[in-house]
């Protein structure tokens, strides 16, 4: 017979304990254990063997799976070419960033050719309809349901057989078999597992909205991200109308792929040329401004690096970095002082990447140093050169990955002069580009300003 035993589950990480403790033994969070009822049955031995399929048969079956296009090139890029049938996707982001808006647009677009079910536990059907009318969306094959019971939603999905099931949000869903409140770690784990099973057995794709904590991660146990096939995060600078959609996990496409969107009155629209967001439009080059070609995800982006160097007041000089690592900025200042005779010890230093984007790759080193030197000298770079490259502690300019892709992006956008690491020079340069390879920071400053 089944035996019922009290079990305590951590709200933060989903860890289990047989008795209540003040601190979770797994994630060290305090006062995060809550009681659930676990039914334990005697272990049964035996059973039939699992069915196995040869790798060649699995490969052939995978090749026959068609992807559904969202009608947005940027969204298709993030998913690796479109939505895969039977996949489970988890979408997270700050409140009000546009998660529900994007999924309603996606559902309405796919419903032109396929039946879709959009289930919301946060809005009524009338409220969803009001938002759809504001966005100018309409489709007869899009079924809306306002429900907290996941059992009822899955029963509706089995009846309708939709190509896509949208759950907004997982924190509001509840299974009758799990004796805990909606949003608890146990409910989140069991509801997500039930949706993944539905996707794998029924063939319908599932897209799940997840709330985020104050540190930006999806609320609930980390197990949620392990269960699903794709994890997407919405990112946005405060007050900006631009949204970045990043894939942090994708079993059917590249990881860290980026999609760019702009929020308008009619919802989210894709940005075909994201480099235009991160470049200022000035007729003449100015001191302290350098264009760099960075790589985030699978695409090259042109971003304007701005630096301001000003003589500081009495006391410790200020070091402010927006979009780049402040510790790396301190390292670059030391390299300039030691290997380029540019001392900024008594100056306040401010650096910023236009557009509010954050870049963590080391290709920002060389353009940052050139922008700092430009602001200190009050001279703009000659012929508006574009730069990229990593700096070593000995003052050498080191190569970075995907150099040829960066150069092709510059040639496509009409740039003519590039300062780059010597090891990144290709055998055949793209037409129209003048390459200036450098090996040290001193050579880079001479190439940028004509003299050291």
Protein backbone atom coordinates (compact mmCIF):
# COMPACT_ATOMS: atom_id res chain seq x y z
CA UNK A 1 0.00 0.00 0.00
CA UNK A 2 1.06 3.58 -0.56
CA UNK A 3 2.49 5.41 2.46
CA UNK A 4 2.03 9.17 2.89
CA UNK A 5 4.97 11.08 4.35
CA UNK A 6 5.59 14.76 4.93
CA UNK A 7 8.21 16.21 2.60
CA UNK A 8 9.73 19.67 2.66
CA UNK A 9 10.66 21.37 -0.62
CA UNK A 10 12.76 24.52 -1.00
CA UNK A 11 11.00 27.37 -2.82
CA UNK A 12 14.31 28.66 -4.20
CA UNK A 13 16.04 25.59 -5.59
CA UNK A 14 13.52 22.75 -5.32
CA UNK A 15 15.72 20.75 -2.94
CA UNK A 16 13.96 18.21 -0.72
CA UNK A 17 14.30 17.42 2.98
CA UNK A 18 12.54 14.89 5.19
CA UNK A 19 12.19 17.36 8.07
CA UNK A 20 11.86 21.11 8.35
CA UNK A 21 15.06 23.10 8.70
CA UNK A 22 15.65 26.81 8.99
CA UNK A 23 18.15 26.75 6.13
CA UNK A 24 18.03 24.75 2.90
CA UNK A 25 20.93 22.32 2.78
CA UNK A 26 21.18 22.66 -1.02
CA UNK A 27 21.13 26.41 -1.76
CA UNK A 28 21.65 27.81 1.79
CA UNK A 29 18.52 29.99 1.60
CA UNK A 30 16.85 30.74 4.95
CA UNK A 31 13.18 30.01 5.69
CA UNK A 32 12.54 28.61 2.20
CA UNK A 33 11.30 25.08 3.04
CA UNK A 34 7.58 24.37 2.78
CA UNK A 35 5.71 21.17 3.48
CA UNK A 36 4.17 19.05 0.74
CA UNK A 37 2.57 15.63 0.89
CA UNK A 38 4.50 12.88 -0.89
CA UNK A 39 2.96 9.51 -1.64
CA UNK A 40 5.51 6.72 -1.58
CA UNK A 41 4.69 3.33 -3.04
CA UNK A 42 6.61 0.09 -2.54
CA UNK A 43 9.30 -0.42 -5.14
CA UNK A 44 8.20 -2.66 -7.98
CA UNK A 45 10.71 -4.84 -9.75
CA UNK A 46 10.63 -6.04 -13.32
CA UNK A 47 8.84 -4.50 -16.27
CA UNK A 48 9.13 -4.50 -20.01
CA UNK A 49 12.25 -3.25 -21.73
CA UNK A 50 12.27 0.24 -23.23
CA UNK A 51 12.02 0.51 -27.00
CA UNK A 52 15.26 1.55 -28.70
CA UNK A 53 15.74 3.14 -32.12
CA UNK A 54 18.94 3.14 -34.17
CA UNK A 55 20.74 6.47 -34.55
CA UNK A 56 20.26 6.46 -38.33
CA UNK A 57 16.49 6.07 -37.89
CA UNK A 58 16.42 8.89 -35.33
CA UNK A 59 18.43 11.12 -37.66
CA UNK A 60 16.05 10.42 -40.52
CA UNK A 61 13.05 11.18 -38.32
CA UNK A 62 14.62 14.44 -37.16
CA UNK A 63 15.35 15.51 -40.73
CA UNK A 64 11.66 15.16 -41.54
CA UNK A 65 10.54 17.55 -38.78
CA UNK A 66 9.45 20.86 -40.27
CA UNK A 67 9.95 24.15 -38.44
CA UNK A 68 7.18 26.72 -38.16
CA UNK A 69 8.19 30.24 -39.16
CA UNK A 70 7.00 33.06 -36.90
CA UNK A 71 6.95 35.57 -39.72
CA UNK A 72 9.72 37.51 -37.92
CA UNK A 73 13.27 36.98 -39.13
CA UNK A 74 14.75 38.01 -35.78
CA UNK A 75 12.57 35.56 -33.85
CA UNK A 76 13.31 32.75 -36.29
CA UNK A 77 17.03 33.49 -35.81
CA UNK A 78 16.80 33.17 -32.02
CA UNK A 79 15.00 29.81 -32.32
CA UNK A 80 17.57 28.52 -34.81
CA UNK A 81 15.35 28.71 -37.88
CA UNK A 82 11.81 28.51 -36.49
CA UNK A 83 9.67 26.66 -33.97
CA UNK A 84 10.21 22.90 -33.71
CA UNK A 85 7.11 20.77 -33.16
CA UNK A 86 7.05 19.04 -29.78
CA UNK A 87 9.50 21.49 -28.24
CA UNK A 88 9.13 23.26 -24.89
CA UNK A 89 10.29 26.88 -24.56
CA UNK A 90 10.63 28.94 -21.37
CA UNK A 91 10.51 32.74 -21.76
CA UNK A 92 11.59 35.04 -18.93
CA UNK A 93 11.96 38.76 -18.49
CA UNK A 94 11.19 41.76 -16.31
CA UNK A 95 7.53 42.74 -15.74
CA UNK A 96 6.17 44.88 -18.58
CA UNK A 97 9.04 44.11 -20.97
CA UNK A 98 6.72 42.54 -23.56
CA UNK A 99 6.59 38.77 -22.92
CA UNK A 100 2.81 38.47 -23.21
CA UNK A 101 2.72 40.90 -26.13
CA UNK A 102 5.28 38.88 -28.09
CA UNK A 103 3.55 35.56 -27.44
CA UNK A 104 0.14 36.95 -28.41
CA UNK A 105 1.63 38.26 -31.65
CA UNK A 106 3.28 34.90 -32.28
CA UNK A 107 0.08 32.99 -31.53
CA UNK A 108 -1.99 35.21 -33.84
CA UNK A 109 0.56 34.89 -36.66
CA UNK A 110 0.74 31.09 -36.44
CA UNK A 111 -3.05 30.82 -36.09
CA UNK A 112 -3.47 31.94 -39.69
CA UNK A 113 -2.48 28.42 -40.74
CA UNK A 114 -2.62 26.28 -37.56
CA UNK A 115 -4.93 25.95 -34.51
CA UNK A 116 -3.36 27.65 -31.47
CA UNK A 117 -4.36 27.69 -27.77
CA UNK A 118 -3.38 30.69 -25.63
CA UNK A 119 -3.97 30.02 -21.92
CA UNK A 120 -3.57 32.83 -19.41
CA UNK A 121 -3.79 32.65 -15.64
CA UNK A 122 -3.18 36.38 -15.23
CA UNK A 123 -5.74 37.95 -17.59
CA UNK A 124 -9.35 37.31 -18.46
CA UNK A 125 -10.41 36.52 -22.02
CA UNK A 126 -11.85 40.02 -22.32
CA UNK A 127 -8.56 41.60 -21.27
CA UNK A 128 -6.62 39.48 -23.76
CA UNK A 129 -9.10 40.46 -26.46
CA UNK A 130 -8.68 44.14 -25.57
CA UNK A 131 -4.91 43.82 -25.94
CA UNK A 132 -5.30 41.97 -29.24
CA UNK A 133 -7.55 44.72 -30.59
CA UNK A 134 -5.01 47.37 -29.55
CA UNK A 135 -2.31 45.44 -31.40
CA UNK A 136 -4.53 44.90 -34.45
CA UNK A 137 -4.54 41.10 -34.14
CA UNK A 138 -7.34 38.76 -35.18
CA UNK A 139 -7.61 35.05 -35.98
CA UNK A 140 -10.44 32.55 -35.86
CA UNK A 141 -8.09 29.64 -35.10
CA UNK A 142 -6.64 31.26 -31.97
CA UNK A 143 -8.47 29.87 -28.92
CA UNK A 144 -8.20 32.00 -25.75
CA UNK A 145 -8.75 30.54 -22.29
CA UNK A 146 -8.41 32.09 -18.83
CA UNK A 147 -7.73 29.23 -16.43
CA UNK A 148 -5.54 28.34 -13.44
CA UNK A 149 -6.06 24.59 -13.63
CA UNK A 150 -3.40 22.99 -15.80
CA UNK A 151 -5.45 19.79 -15.89
CA UNK A 152 -8.27 21.65 -17.66
CA UNK A 153 -5.84 23.35 -20.07
CA UNK A 154 -4.20 20.05 -21.03
CA UNK A 155 -7.63 18.47 -21.55
CA UNK A 156 -8.53 21.36 -23.90
CA UNK A 157 -5.23 20.91 -25.74
CA UNK A 158 -5.93 17.20 -26.23
CA UNK A 159 -9.33 18.09 -27.64
CA UNK A 160 -8.19 20.92 -29.95
CA UNK A 161 -4.81 19.40 -30.98
CA UNK A 162 -3.12 22.81 -31.43
CA UNK A 163 0.25 23.31 -33.09
CA UNK A 164 1.24 25.64 -30.25
CA UNK A 165 0.14 25.86 -26.60
CA UNK A 166 1.02 29.12 -24.80
CA UNK A 167 1.04 29.21 -20.98
CA UNK A 168 1.08 32.69 -19.43
CA UNK A 169 2.44 32.22 -16.83
CA UNK A 170 3.70 29.01 -15.19
CA UNK A 171 3.60 30.66 -11.73
CA UNK A 172 -0.22 30.85 -11.93
CA UNK A 173 -0.80 27.22 -12.94
CA UNK A 174 -1.81 24.42 -10.59
CA UNK A 175 -2.15 20.64 -10.85
CA UNK A 176 -4.80 18.94 -8.73
CA UNK A 177 -2.47 16.03 -7.91
CA UNK A 178 0.08 18.35 -6.26
CA UNK A 179 -1.01 19.54 -2.82
CA UNK A 180 0.60 22.97 -2.68
CA UNK A 181 -0.22 26.52 -3.70
CA UNK A 182 0.29 27.85 -7.21
CA UNK A 183 3.78 29.25 -7.66
CA UNK A 184 5.40 26.94 -5.11
CA UNK A 185 8.49 24.99 -6.09
CA UNK A 186 6.54 21.72 -6.18
CA UNK A 187 3.82 23.15 -8.44
CA UNK A 188 6.32 24.78 -10.77
CA UNK A 189 8.26 21.55 -11.11
CA UNK A 190 5.24 19.30 -11.66
CA UNK A 191 3.42 21.72 -13.99
CA UNK A 192 6.49 22.19 -16.17
CA UNK A 193 7.10 18.44 -16.27
CA UNK A 194 3.47 17.85 -17.31
CA UNK A 195 3.75 20.41 -20.11
CA UNK A 196 7.00 18.87 -21.36
CA UNK A 197 5.37 15.41 -21.39
CA UNK A 198 2.44 16.83 -23.33
CA UNK A 199 4.81 18.38 -25.89
CA UNK A 200 6.85 15.20 -26.36
CA UNK A 201 3.89 12.83 -26.60
CA UNK A 202 1.41 15.00 -28.50
CA UNK A 203 3.77 16.83 -30.85
CA UNK A 204 2.46 20.30 -30.00
CA UNK A 205 5.03 22.99 -29.22
CA UNK A 206 4.68 24.61 -25.79
CA UNK A 207 5.79 28.13 -24.90
CA UNK A 208 5.84 29.01 -21.20
CA UNK A 209 6.15 32.45 -19.60
CA UNK A 210 8.16 32.51 -16.38
CA UNK A 211 8.39 35.31 -13.85
CA UNK A 212 11.88 36.48 -12.84
CA UNK A 213 13.40 37.27 -9.47
CA UNK A 214 15.01 40.57 -8.52
CA UNK A 215 18.39 39.34 -9.79
CA UNK A 216 16.92 38.60 -13.24
CA UNK A 217 16.78 34.78 -13.15
CA UNK A 218 13.58 32.81 -13.72
CA UNK A 219 11.73 32.28 -10.44
CA UNK A 220 11.54 28.73 -9.14
CA UNK A 221 13.94 25.80 -9.08
CA UNK A 222 16.70 25.68 -11.68
CA UNK A 223 15.18 22.36 -12.72
CA UNK A 224 12.69 24.28 -14.89
CA UNK A 225 15.45 25.36 -17.27
CA UNK A 226 16.80 21.81 -17.41
CA UNK A 227 13.39 20.36 -18.32
CA UNK A 228 12.65 22.57 -21.32
CA UNK A 229 14.37 22.58 -24.70
CA UNK A 230 14.84 26.33 -25.10
CA UNK A 231 15.31 29.13 -22.56
CA UNK A 232 14.86 32.73 -23.73
CA UNK A 233 15.43 35.95 -21.80
CA UNK A 234 14.10 39.39 -22.66
CA UNK A 235 16.62 42.16 -21.96
CA UNK A 236 16.12 45.92 -22.11
CA UNK A 237 17.75 49.10 -20.91
CA UNK A 238 15.60 51.15 -18.53
CA UNK A 239 13.45 53.57 -20.49
CA UNK A 240 14.47 52.18 -23.87
CA UNK A 241 11.95 51.00 -26.43
CA UNK A 242 14.36 48.39 -27.77
CA UNK A 243 14.23 44.79 -26.58
CA UNK A 244 16.89 42.09 -26.87
CA UNK A 245 15.79 38.45 -26.92
CA UNK A 246 18.64 36.09 -26.02
CA UNK A 247 18.64 32.28 -26.19
CA UNK A 248 20.61 30.99 -23.18
CA UNK A 249 19.74 27.36 -23.99
CA UNK A 250 18.61 25.85 -27.28
CA UNK A 251 18.63 22.16 -28.16
CA UNK A 252 17.63 22.93 -31.74
CA UNK A 253 19.85 25.90 -32.57
CA UNK A 254 22.79 28.07 -31.50
CA UNK A 255 23.10 29.32 -27.92
CA UNK A 256 23.43 33.05 -27.09
CA UNK A 257 21.80 34.04 -30.37
CA UNK A 258 20.30 37.52 -30.22
CA UNK A 259 17.13 39.00 -31.68
CA UNK A 260 16.41 42.74 -31.69
CA UNK A 261 12.92 44.22 -31.38
CA UNK A 262 11.38 47.64 -30.90
CA UNK A 263 8.26 48.21 -28.81
CA UNK A 264 5.67 50.41 -30.51
CA UNK A 265 1.96 51.14 -30.37
CA UNK A 266 1.18 48.02 -32.38
CA UNK A 267 3.42 45.74 -30.34
CA UNK A 268 6.91 44.43 -30.97
CA UNK A 269 8.44 44.76 -34.41
CA UNK A 270 11.77 43.33 -35.47
CA UNK A 271 14.82 45.52 -36.06
CA UNK A 272 16.47 44.38 -39.28
CA UNK A 273 19.62 46.51 -38.87
CA UNK A 274 20.45 46.52 -35.13
CA UNK A 275 23.77 48.30 -35.69
CA UNK A 276 21.79 51.48 -36.38
CA UNK A 277 20.67 51.44 -32.73
CA UNK A 278 24.21 51.64 -31.41
CA UNK A 279 25.64 54.29 -33.76
CA UNK A 280 25.28 58.06 -33.42
CA UNK A 281 24.47 60.08 -36.53
CA UNK A 282 26.93 62.97 -36.72
CA UNK A 283 28.17 64.63 -39.90
CA UNK A 284 31.76 64.85 -38.63
CA UNK A 285 33.85 62.63 -36.33
CA UNK A 286 34.37 63.96 -32.82
CA UNK A 287 36.98 63.39 -30.14
CA UNK A 288 36.28 60.54 -27.73
CA UNK A 289 34.17 58.53 -30.17
CA UNK A 290 35.25 55.30 -31.88
CA UNK A 291 33.18 52.74 -33.78
CA UNK A 292 33.96 49.12 -32.97
CA UNK A 293 32.67 45.88 -34.44
CA UNK A 294 31.69 43.51 -31.63
CA UNK A 295 30.26 40.04 -31.76
CA UNK A 296 27.39 39.07 -29.49
CA UNK A 297 25.80 35.71 -30.07
CA UNK A 298 26.11 34.75 -33.71
CA UNK A 299 26.14 38.20 -35.29
CA UNK A 300 28.51 41.11 -35.70
CA UNK A 301 27.32 44.46 -34.32
CA UNK A 302 28.67 47.94 -34.96
CA UNK A 303 28.68 49.89 -31.70
CA UNK A 304 29.90 53.38 -30.93
CA UNK A 305 32.28 53.59 -27.98
CA UNK A 306 32.28 56.96 -26.23
CA UNK A 307 34.87 58.11 -23.71
CA UNK A 308 35.17 61.30 -21.70
CA UNK A 309 38.41 62.18 -19.91
CA UNK A 310 38.32 65.21 -17.62
CA UNK A 311 40.71 66.50 -15.01
CA UNK A 312 39.35 65.35 -11.68
CA UNK A 313 38.75 67.38 -8.56
CA UNK A 314 40.67 66.84 -5.34
CA UNK A 315 40.52 63.28 -4.10
CA UNK A 316 40.27 59.96 -5.87
CA UNK A 317 39.45 60.19 -9.60
CA UNK A 318 36.18 58.65 -10.77
CA UNK A 319 35.97 55.58 -13.02
CA UNK A 320 32.51 55.07 -14.54
CA UNK A 321 31.83 52.32 -17.08
CA UNK A 322 28.49 51.73 -18.83
CA UNK A 323 28.23 48.58 -20.93
CA UNK A 324 31.76 47.30 -20.19
CA UNK A 325 33.43 45.73 -17.17
CA UNK A 326 34.75 48.35 -14.76
CA UNK A 327 37.64 46.10 -13.69
CA UNK A 328 38.73 45.68 -17.29
CA UNK A 329 38.62 49.45 -17.73
CA UNK A 330 41.04 49.82 -14.81
CA UNK A 331 43.35 47.30 -16.47
CA UNK A 332 43.27 49.22 -19.76
CA UNK A 333 44.12 52.47 -17.97
CA UNK A 334 47.19 50.78 -16.48
CA UNK A 335 48.23 49.48 -19.93
CA UNK A 336 47.93 52.97 -21.42
CA UNK A 337 50.00 54.43 -18.59
CA UNK A 338 52.76 51.84 -18.82
CA UNK A 339 53.01 51.12 -22.55
CA UNK A 340 51.64 54.27 -24.26
CA UNK A 341 52.78 57.08 -21.90
CA UNK A 342 49.16 58.18 -21.42
CA UNK A 343 48.69 58.83 -17.72
CA UNK A 344 45.09 59.22 -16.56
CA UNK A 345 45.85 59.01 -12.84
CA UNK A 346 44.60 62.54 -12.17
CA UNK A 347 41.65 62.38 -14.56
CA UNK A 348 38.04 61.30 -14.22
CA UNK A 349 37.24 58.65 -16.81
CA UNK A 350 33.77 57.89 -18.20
CA UNK A 351 33.11 55.29 -20.90
CA UNK A 352 29.81 54.30 -22.46
CA UNK A 353 28.49 52.00 -25.18
CA UNK A 354 25.74 53.77 -27.14
CA UNK A 355 22.34 52.11 -27.02
CA UNK A 356 22.60 50.59 -23.54
CA UNK A 357 24.03 47.26 -24.70
CA UNK A 358 26.52 45.31 -22.57
CA UNK A 359 29.47 43.63 -24.28
CA UNK A 360 31.68 41.21 -22.37
CA UNK A 361 34.08 40.10 -25.10
CA UNK A 362 37.67 41.31 -25.14
CA UNK A 363 37.45 42.85 -28.64
CA UNK A 364 36.37 46.08 -26.93
CA UNK A 365 39.87 46.67 -25.50
CA UNK A 366 41.46 48.41 -28.48
CA UNK A 367 38.51 50.73 -29.34
CA UNK A 368 38.18 51.69 -25.67
CA UNK A 369 41.84 52.69 -25.49
CA UNK A 370 41.60 54.65 -28.73
CA UNK A 371 38.50 56.48 -27.47
CA UNK A 372 40.26 57.36 -24.21
CA UNK A 373 43.31 58.66 -26.05
CA UNK A 374 41.08 60.61 -28.42
CA UNK A 375 39.26 62.32 -25.57
CA UNK A 376 42.47 63.09 -23.68
CA UNK A 377 44.14 64.63 -26.75
CA UNK A 378 40.97 66.30 -28.02
CA UNK A 379 41.51 64.79 -31.47
CA UNK A 380 39.18 62.60 -33.49
CA UNK A 381 40.45 59.50 -35.22
CA UNK A 382 41.71 59.96 -38.76
CA UNK A 383 39.19 59.05 -41.46
CA UNK A 384 36.72 57.68 -38.87
CA UNK A 385 38.51 54.35 -38.50
CA UNK A 386 36.77 51.31 -37.03
CA UNK A 387 38.74 49.21 -34.54
CA UNK A 388 38.61 45.88 -32.73
CA UNK A 389 41.17 43.84 -30.82
CA UNK A 390 42.25 42.56 -27.41
CA UNK A 391 45.08 44.07 -25.37
CA UNK A 392 47.57 42.09 -23.32
CA UNK A 393 49.24 43.29 -20.15
CA UNK A 394 52.51 43.71 -22.04
CA UNK A 395 50.91 46.15 -24.48
CA UNK A 396 50.49 43.74 -27.41
CA UNK A 397 47.35 43.73 -29.54
CA UNK A 398 46.02 40.18 -29.57
CA UNK A 399 43.69 38.62 -32.17
CA UNK A 400 40.02 37.91 -31.49
CA UNK A 401 37.68 35.25 -32.81
CA UNK A 402 35.57 35.62 -35.98
CA UNK A 403 37.75 38.34 -37.51
CA UNK A 404 36.65 37.68 -41.10
CA UNK A 405 32.95 37.87 -40.15
CA UNK A 406 33.57 41.26 -38.56
CA UNK A 407 35.31 42.54 -41.67
CA UNK A 408 32.51 41.32 -43.94
CA UNK A 409 29.97 43.19 -41.79
CA UNK A 410 32.03 46.39 -42.07
CA UNK A 411 32.32 46.06 -45.85
CA UNK A 412 28.59 45.43 -46.14
CA UNK A 413 27.79 48.63 -44.23
CA UNK A 414 30.18 50.77 -46.29
CA UNK A 415 33.08 51.35 -43.89
CA UNK A 416 36.51 51.78 -45.47
CA UNK A 417 39.25 51.78 -42.80
CA UNK A 418 39.86 49.26 -40.02
CA UNK A 419 42.51 49.10 -37.29
CA UNK A 420 42.83 45.46 -36.31
CA UNK A 421 45.26 42.93 -34.80
CA UNK A 422 47.94 41.74 -37.17
CA UNK A 423 46.94 38.09 -36.73
CA UNK A 424 43.35 38.90 -37.78
CA UNK A 425 44.35 40.06 -41.28
CA UNK A 426 42.75 37.64 -43.79
CA UNK A 427 44.46 36.35 -46.91
CA UNK A 428 42.02 38.28 -49.08
CA UNK A 429 40.50 41.43 -47.60
CA UNK A 430 36.90 42.30 -48.51
CA UNK A 431 36.63 44.75 -51.37
CA UNK A 432 36.67 48.41 -50.36
CA UNK A 433 38.33 47.92 -46.95
CA UNK A 434 41.69 49.46 -46.05
CA UNK A 435 43.24 47.31 -43.32
CA UNK A 436 45.76 48.72 -40.85
CA UNK A 437 47.22 45.81 -38.85
CA UNK A 438 48.92 46.65 -35.55
CA UNK A 439 50.91 44.57 -33.07
CA UNK A 440 51.18 46.93 -30.07
CA UNK A 441 49.14 49.70 -28.48
CA UNK A 442 51.79 52.18 -29.63
CA UNK A 443 51.31 51.14 -33.27
CA UNK A 444 47.54 51.40 -32.83
CA UNK A 445 47.77 54.98 -31.52
CA UNK A 446 50.07 55.92 -34.40
CA UNK A 447 47.67 54.43 -36.92
CA UNK A 448 44.72 56.20 -35.32
CA UNK A 449 46.22 59.71 -34.93
CA UNK A 450 49.14 59.75 -37.37
CA UNK A 451 51.77 60.01 -34.62
CA UNK A 452 52.22 58.72 -31.13
